[in-house]
Amino acid sequence: DPLHYPIIMSRRSCAQLAAASWFSGFPVATVQTTWIFSFPFCGPNMVNHFFCDSPPVIALVCADTSLFELEALTATVLFILFPFLLILGSYVRILSTIFRMPSAEGKRKAFS
């Protein structure tokens, strides 16, 4: 029932969704960070970027990082693509509900 959002979404459910998002992402970030810094580094050991992200640090590693890169890609797909598809599906349901409304006035109000 996507059009019942203001009724369904209470402060408690909003806090639970935010907490779930933090608690699901934190272990993945912790594992990836720990894994990156367990690799042997060689070369200048200098990252010429504004902030230290995984790809520039991985470029400094002297070992095979293919397994780490596969894990990072898998985590990205699970934690970004899956929620994106859920949001996209929600918008599709909203639009289909609006287009099934019989009155033009109701459609106009829903789109506004």
N, C-alpha and C. Protein backbone atom coordinates (compact mmCIF):
# COMPACT_ATOMS: atom_id res chain seq x y z
N ASP A 1 0.84 -1.20 0.00
CA ASP A 1 0.00 0.00 0.00
C ASP A 1 0.87 1.25 0.00
N PRO A 2 1.50 1.55 -1.13
CA PRO A 2 2.46 2.66 -1.15
C PRO A 2 1.83 4.03 -0.88
N LEU A 3 0.53 4.19 -1.15
CA LEU A 3 -0.08 5.50 -0.92
C LEU A 3 -0.48 5.70 0.54
N HIS A 4 -0.33 4.67 1.37
CA HIS A 4 -0.62 4.78 2.79
C HIS A 4 0.66 5.03 3.60
N TYR A 5 1.69 5.51 2.95
CA TYR A 5 2.98 5.72 3.59
C TYR A 5 2.91 6.57 4.86
N PRO A 6 2.22 7.72 4.84
CA PRO A 6 2.19 8.54 6.06
C PRO A 6 1.52 7.82 7.24
N ILE A 7 0.63 6.90 6.95
CA ILE A 7 -0.05 6.17 8.02
C ILE A 7 0.85 5.04 8.54
N ILE A 8 1.49 4.33 7.62
CA ILE A 8 2.30 3.17 7.99
C ILE A 8 3.62 3.59 8.63
N MET A 9 4.25 4.65 8.13
CA MET A 9 5.58 5.05 8.58
C MET A 9 5.49 5.90 9.85
N SER A 10 5.73 5.27 10.99
CA SER A 10 5.75 5.98 12.26
C SER A 10 7.20 6.32 12.61
N ARG A 11 7.40 7.05 13.67
CA ARG A 11 8.77 7.36 14.12
C ARG A 11 9.51 6.07 14.47
N ARG A 12 8.80 5.13 15.09
CA ARG A 12 9.43 3.87 15.48
C ARG A 12 9.86 3.06 14.27
N SER A 13 8.99 2.93 13.27
CA SER A 13 9.37 2.15 12.08
C SER A 13 10.48 2.85 11.30
N CYS A 14 10.49 4.16 11.30
CA CYS A 14 11.58 4.90 10.64
C CYS A 14 12.90 4.65 11.36
N ALA A 15 12.88 4.68 12.69
CA ALA A 15 14.09 4.41 13.47
C ALA A 15 14.56 2.97 13.26
N GLN A 16 13.63 2.03 13.17
CA GLN A 16 14.00 0.64 12.96
C GLN A 16 14.64 0.44 11.58
N LEU A 17 14.10 1.10 10.56
CA LEU A 17 14.69 1.00 9.22
C LEU A 17 16.09 1.61 9.19
N ALA A 18 16.26 2.76 9.84
CA ALA A 18 17.58 3.39 9.89
C ALA A 18 18.58 2.50 10.63
N ALA A 19 18.15 1.93 11.75
CA ALA A 19 19.03 1.04 12.53
C ALA A 19 19.39 -0.21 11.73
N ALA A 20 18.43 -0.77 11.03
CA ALA A 20 18.69 -1.95 10.20
C ALA A 20 19.71 -1.64 9.12
N SER A 21 19.60 -0.46 8.53
CA SER A 21 20.53 -0.06 7.49
C SER A 21 21.94 0.09 8.06
N TRP A 22 22.07 0.72 9.22
CA TRP A 22 23.38 0.87 9.84
C TRP A 22 23.95 -0.47 10.27
N PHE A 23 23.13 -1.29 10.91
CA PHE A 23 23.63 -2.56 11.44
C PHE A 23 23.93 -3.58 10.34
N SER A 24 23.33 -3.44 9.18
CA SER A 24 23.65 -4.36 8.09
C SER A 24 24.89 -3.91 7.33
N GLY A 25 25.13 -2.62 7.23
CA GLY A 25 26.29 -2.11 6.49
C GLY A 25 27.57 -2.09 7.30
N PHE A 26 27.46 -1.92 8.62
CA PHE A 26 28.65 -1.82 9.46
C PHE A 26 29.54 -3.05 9.42
N PRO A 27 29.00 -4.27 9.53
CA PRO A 27 29.89 -5.45 9.47
C PRO A 27 30.61 -5.59 8.12
N VAL A 28 29.93 -5.25 7.05
CA VAL A 28 30.56 -5.36 5.72
C VAL A 28 31.72 -4.37 5.62
N ALA A 29 31.51 -3.14 6.04
CA ALA A 29 32.57 -2.14 5.99
C ALA A 29 33.73 -2.52 6.90
N THR A 30 33.43 -3.07 8.06
CA THR A 30 34.48 -3.48 9.00
C THR A 30 35.31 -4.63 8.43
N VAL A 31 34.64 -5.62 7.85
CA VAL A 31 35.36 -6.76 7.27
C VAL A 31 36.23 -6.29 6.09
N GLN A 32 35.68 -5.44 5.23
CA GLN A 32 36.46 -4.98 4.08
C GLN A 32 37.67 -4.16 4.52
N THR A 33 37.50 -3.29 5.49
CA THR A 33 38.61 -2.46 5.96
C THR A 33 39.69 -3.33 6.61
N THR A 34 39.27 -4.26 7.43
CA THR A 34 40.22 -5.16 8.07
C THR A 34 40.97 -5.99 7.03
N TRP A 35 40.24 -6.46 6.03
CA TRP A 35 40.83 -7.28 4.97
C TRP A 35 41.86 -6.48 4.16
N ILE A 36 41.51 -5.24 3.82
CA ILE A 36 42.43 -4.41 3.03
C ILE A 36 43.76 -4.23 3.77
N PHE A 37 43.67 -3.92 5.05
CA PHE A 37 44.91 -3.63 5.79
C PHE A 37 45.65 -4.87 6.24
N SER A 38 45.15 -6.05 5.88
CA SER A 38 45.91 -7.27 6.14
C SER A 38 46.80 -7.63 4.94
N PHE A 39 46.62 -6.92 3.81
CA PHE A 39 47.45 -7.17 2.62
C PHE A 39 48.84 -6.56 2.80
N PRO A 40 49.84 -7.12 2.11
CA PRO A 40 51.17 -6.49 2.11
C PRO A 40 51.20 -5.31 1.13
N PHE A 41 51.75 -4.20 1.55
CA PHE A 41 51.84 -3.02 0.71
C PHE A 41 53.27 -2.81 0.26
N CYS A 42 53.41 -2.25 -0.94
CA CYS A 42 54.74 -1.93 -1.46
C CYS A 42 54.66 -0.62 -2.23
N GLY A 43 55.78 -0.10 -2.61
CA GLY A 43 55.79 1.13 -3.39
C GLY A 43 55.77 2.36 -2.51
N PRO A 44 55.25 3.45 -3.04
CA PRO A 44 55.33 4.72 -2.32
C PRO A 44 54.41 4.80 -1.09
N ASN A 45 53.40 3.93 -1.02
CA ASN A 45 52.42 3.95 0.08
C ASN A 45 51.80 5.32 0.27
N MET A 46 51.53 6.00 -0.83
CA MET A 46 50.92 7.32 -0.77
C MET A 46 49.67 7.30 -1.65
N VAL A 47 48.57 7.73 -1.08
CA VAL A 47 47.30 7.80 -1.81
C VAL A 47 47.06 9.26 -2.17
N ASN A 48 47.06 9.55 -3.45
CA ASN A 48 46.86 10.93 -3.92
C ASN A 48 45.39 11.20 -4.20
N HIS A 49 44.59 11.12 -3.16
CA HIS A 49 43.16 11.36 -3.28
C HIS A 49 42.71 12.20 -2.10
N PHE A 50 41.54 12.77 -2.24
CA PHE A 50 40.98 13.60 -1.17
C PHE A 50 40.65 12.77 0.05
N PHE A 51 40.12 11.56 -0.16
CA PHE A 51 39.86 10.65 0.95
C PHE A 51 40.35 9.26 0.57
N CYS A 52 40.59 8.46 1.57
CA CYS A 52 41.18 7.14 1.38
C CYS A 52 40.07 6.11 1.16
N ASP A 53 39.81 5.75 -0.08
CA ASP A 53 38.79 4.77 -0.43
C ASP A 53 39.47 3.46 -0.82
N SER A 54 38.70 2.41 -0.96
CA SER A 54 39.26 1.08 -1.24
C SER A 54 40.07 1.00 -2.53
N PRO A 55 39.58 1.44 -3.69
CA PRO A 55 40.36 1.25 -4.93
C PRO A 55 41.75 1.88 -4.91
N PRO A 56 41.94 3.12 -4.42
CA PRO A 56 43.30 3.64 -4.38
C PRO A 56 44.22 2.86 -3.44
N VAL A 57 43.68 2.36 -2.34
CA VAL A 57 44.49 1.58 -1.40
C VAL A 57 44.83 0.23 -2.01
N ILE A 58 43.88 -0.39 -2.69
CA ILE A 58 44.11 -1.68 -3.34
C ILE A 58 45.20 -1.55 -4.41
N ALA A 59 45.31 -0.40 -5.05
CA ALA A 59 46.34 -0.19 -6.07
C ALA A 59 47.75 -0.28 -5.47
N LEU A 60 47.88 -0.08 -4.16
CA LEU A 60 49.19 -0.13 -3.50
C LEU A 60 49.56 -1.52 -3.00
N VAL A 61 48.64 -2.48 -3.12
CA VAL A 61 48.87 -3.83 -2.60
C VAL A 61 49.78 -4.62 -3.53
N CYS A 62 50.68 -5.40 -2.94
CA CYS A 62 51.62 -6.21 -3.72
C CYS A 62 51.18 -7.66 -3.85
N ALA A 63 49.95 -7.99 -3.53
CA ALA A 63 49.46 -9.37 -3.59
C ALA A 63 48.23 -9.44 -4.50
N ASP A 64 47.75 -10.64 -4.71
CA ASP A 64 46.55 -10.85 -5.53
C ASP A 64 45.32 -10.39 -4.76
N THR A 65 44.57 -9.47 -5.32
CA THR A 65 43.39 -8.91 -4.65
C THR A 65 42.09 -9.32 -5.34
N SER A 66 42.16 -10.31 -6.22
CA SER A 66 40.97 -10.66 -7.00
C SER A 66 39.83 -11.17 -6.11
N LEU A 67 40.13 -11.93 -5.06
CA LEU A 67 39.09 -12.41 -4.16
C LEU A 67 38.44 -11.25 -3.40
N PHE A 68 39.26 -10.30 -2.95
CA PHE A 68 38.72 -9.12 -2.28
C PHE A 68 37.83 -8.32 -3.22
N GLU A 69 38.27 -8.14 -4.45
CA GLU A 69 37.50 -7.36 -5.42
C GLU A 69 36.17 -8.05 -5.73
N LEU A 70 36.18 -9.37 -5.81
CA LEU A 70 34.94 -10.13 -6.03
C LEU A 70 33.99 -9.96 -4.84
N GLU A 71 34.52 -10.02 -3.63
CA GLU A 71 33.70 -9.82 -2.44
C GLU A 71 33.14 -8.40 -2.39
N ALA A 72 33.96 -7.41 -2.74
CA ALA A 72 33.50 -6.02 -2.74
C ALA A 72 32.40 -5.82 -3.78
N LEU A 73 32.54 -6.43 -4.94
CA LEU A 73 31.51 -6.33 -5.98
C LEU A 73 30.21 -7.00 -5.52
N THR A 74 30.34 -8.17 -4.90
CA THR A 74 29.16 -8.87 -4.40
C THR A 74 28.45 -8.06 -3.33
N ALA A 75 29.21 -7.50 -2.40
CA ALA A 75 28.61 -6.67 -1.35
C ALA A 75 27.94 -5.44 -1.94
N THR A 76 28.56 -4.85 -2.94
CA THR A 76 27.97 -3.68 -3.59
C THR A 76 26.64 -4.03 -4.24
N VAL A 77 26.61 -5.14 -4.94
CA VAL A 77 25.36 -5.56 -5.59
C VAL A 77 24.27 -5.81 -4.55
N LEU A 78 24.62 -6.50 -3.47
CA LEU A 78 23.62 -6.82 -2.46
C LEU A 78 23.13 -5.59 -1.70
N PHE A 79 24.04 -4.69 -1.37
CA PHE A 79 23.68 -3.56 -0.52
C PHE A 79 23.27 -2.31 -1.28
N ILE A 80 23.47 -2.28 -2.58
CA ILE A 80 23.04 -1.11 -3.37
C ILE A 80 21.99 -1.49 -4.40
N LEU A 81 22.24 -2.52 -5.17
CA LEU A 81 21.31 -2.89 -6.24
C LEU A 81 19.99 -3.41 -5.69
N PHE A 82 20.03 -4.26 -4.66
CA PHE A 82 18.80 -4.82 -4.10
C PHE A 82 17.88 -3.73 -3.53
N PRO A 83 18.37 -2.81 -2.68
CA PRO A 83 17.48 -1.73 -2.21
C PRO A 83 16.99 -0.84 -3.35
N PHE A 84 17.86 -0.59 -4.34
CA PHE A 84 17.43 0.21 -5.49
C PHE A 84 16.26 -0.45 -6.20
N LEU A 85 16.34 -1.76 -6.40
CA LEU A 85 15.24 -2.46 -7.07
C LEU A 85 13.97 -2.45 -6.23
N LEU A 86 14.10 -2.53 -4.91
CA LEU A 86 12.92 -2.42 -4.05
C LEU A 86 12.28 -1.04 -4.16
N ILE A 87 13.10 0.00 -4.17
CA ILE A 87 12.58 1.37 -4.31
C ILE A 87 11.93 1.55 -5.67
N LEU A 88 12.57 1.05 -6.71
CA LEU A 88 12.02 1.14 -8.06
C LEU A 88 10.68 0.42 -8.14
N GLY A 89 10.60 -0.77 -7.54
CA GLY A 89 9.34 -1.51 -7.51
C GLY A 89 8.25 -0.76 -6.77
N SER A 90 8.62 -0.08 -5.71
CA SER A 90 7.65 0.72 -4.95
C SER A 90 7.10 1.85 -5.81
N TYR A 91 7.98 2.53 -6.54
CA TYR A 91 7.51 3.61 -7.42
C TYR A 91 6.64 3.09 -8.55
N VAL A 92 6.95 1.92 -9.06
CA VAL A 92 6.11 1.31 -10.11
C VAL A 92 4.71 1.04 -9.56
N ARG A 93 4.65 0.52 -8.33
CA ARG A 93 3.34 0.27 -7.70
C ARG A 93 2.58 1.57 -7.47
N ILE A 94 3.27 2.61 -7.05
CA ILE A 94 2.61 3.91 -6.84
C ILE A 94 2.05 4.42 -8.16
N LEU A 95 2.86 4.39 -9.21
CA LEU A 95 2.39 4.88 -10.51
C LEU A 95 1.23 4.05 -11.04
N SER A 96 1.29 2.74 -10.89
CA SER A 96 0.19 1.91 -11.38
C SER A 96 -1.09 2.17 -10.59
N THR A 97 -0.96 2.44 -9.29
CA THR A 97 -2.13 2.77 -8.47
C THR A 97 -2.73 4.10 -8.91
N ILE A 98 -1.88 5.06 -9.19
CA ILE A 98 -2.37 6.38 -9.62
C ILE A 98 -3.04 6.27 -10.99
N PHE A 99 -2.44 5.53 -11.92
CA PHE A 99 -3.03 5.42 -13.25
C PHE A 99 -4.36 4.65 -13.26
N ARG A 100 -4.62 3.84 -12.24
CA ARG A 100 -5.89 3.12 -12.15
C ARG A 100 -7.00 3.96 -11.52
N MET A 101 -6.66 5.15 -11.04
CA MET A 101 -7.69 6.03 -10.45
C MET A 101 -8.66 6.47 -11.54
N PRO A 102 -9.95 6.46 -11.23
CA PRO A 102 -10.93 6.80 -12.27
C PRO A 102 -11.00 8.29 -12.59
N SER A 103 -10.78 9.15 -11.61
CA SER A 103 -10.97 10.59 -11.87
C SER A 103 -9.65 11.27 -12.20
N ALA A 104 -9.76 12.24 -13.11
CA ALA A 104 -8.59 13.02 -13.50
C ALA A 104 -8.16 13.92 -12.33
N GLU A 105 -9.12 14.38 -11.55
CA GLU A 105 -8.81 15.23 -10.39
C GLU A 105 -7.99 14.44 -9.35
N GLY A 106 -8.37 13.19 -9.13
CA GLY A 106 -7.63 12.35 -8.20
C GLY A 106 -6.22 12.08 -8.67
N LYS A 107 -6.05 11.85 -9.97
CA LYS A 107 -4.71 11.64 -10.53
C LYS A 107 -3.87 12.90 -10.36
N ARG A 108 -4.47 14.06 -10.61
CA ARG A 108 -3.73 15.32 -10.49
C ARG A 108 -3.27 15.53 -9.06
N LYS A 109 -4.15 15.27 -8.10
CA LYS A 109 -3.80 15.43 -6.69
C LYS A 109 -2.69 14.45 -6.29
N ALA A 110 -2.78 13.21 -6.76
CA ALA A 110 -1.78 12.21 -6.43
C ALA A 110 -0.42 12.58 -7.00
N PHE A 111 -0.38 13.10 -8.22
CA PHE A 111 0.89 13.47 -8.81
C PHE A 111 1.48 14.73 -8.18
N SER A 112 0.61 15.58 -7.64
CA SER A 112 1.14 16.78 -7.00
C SER A 112 1.74 16.44 -5.66
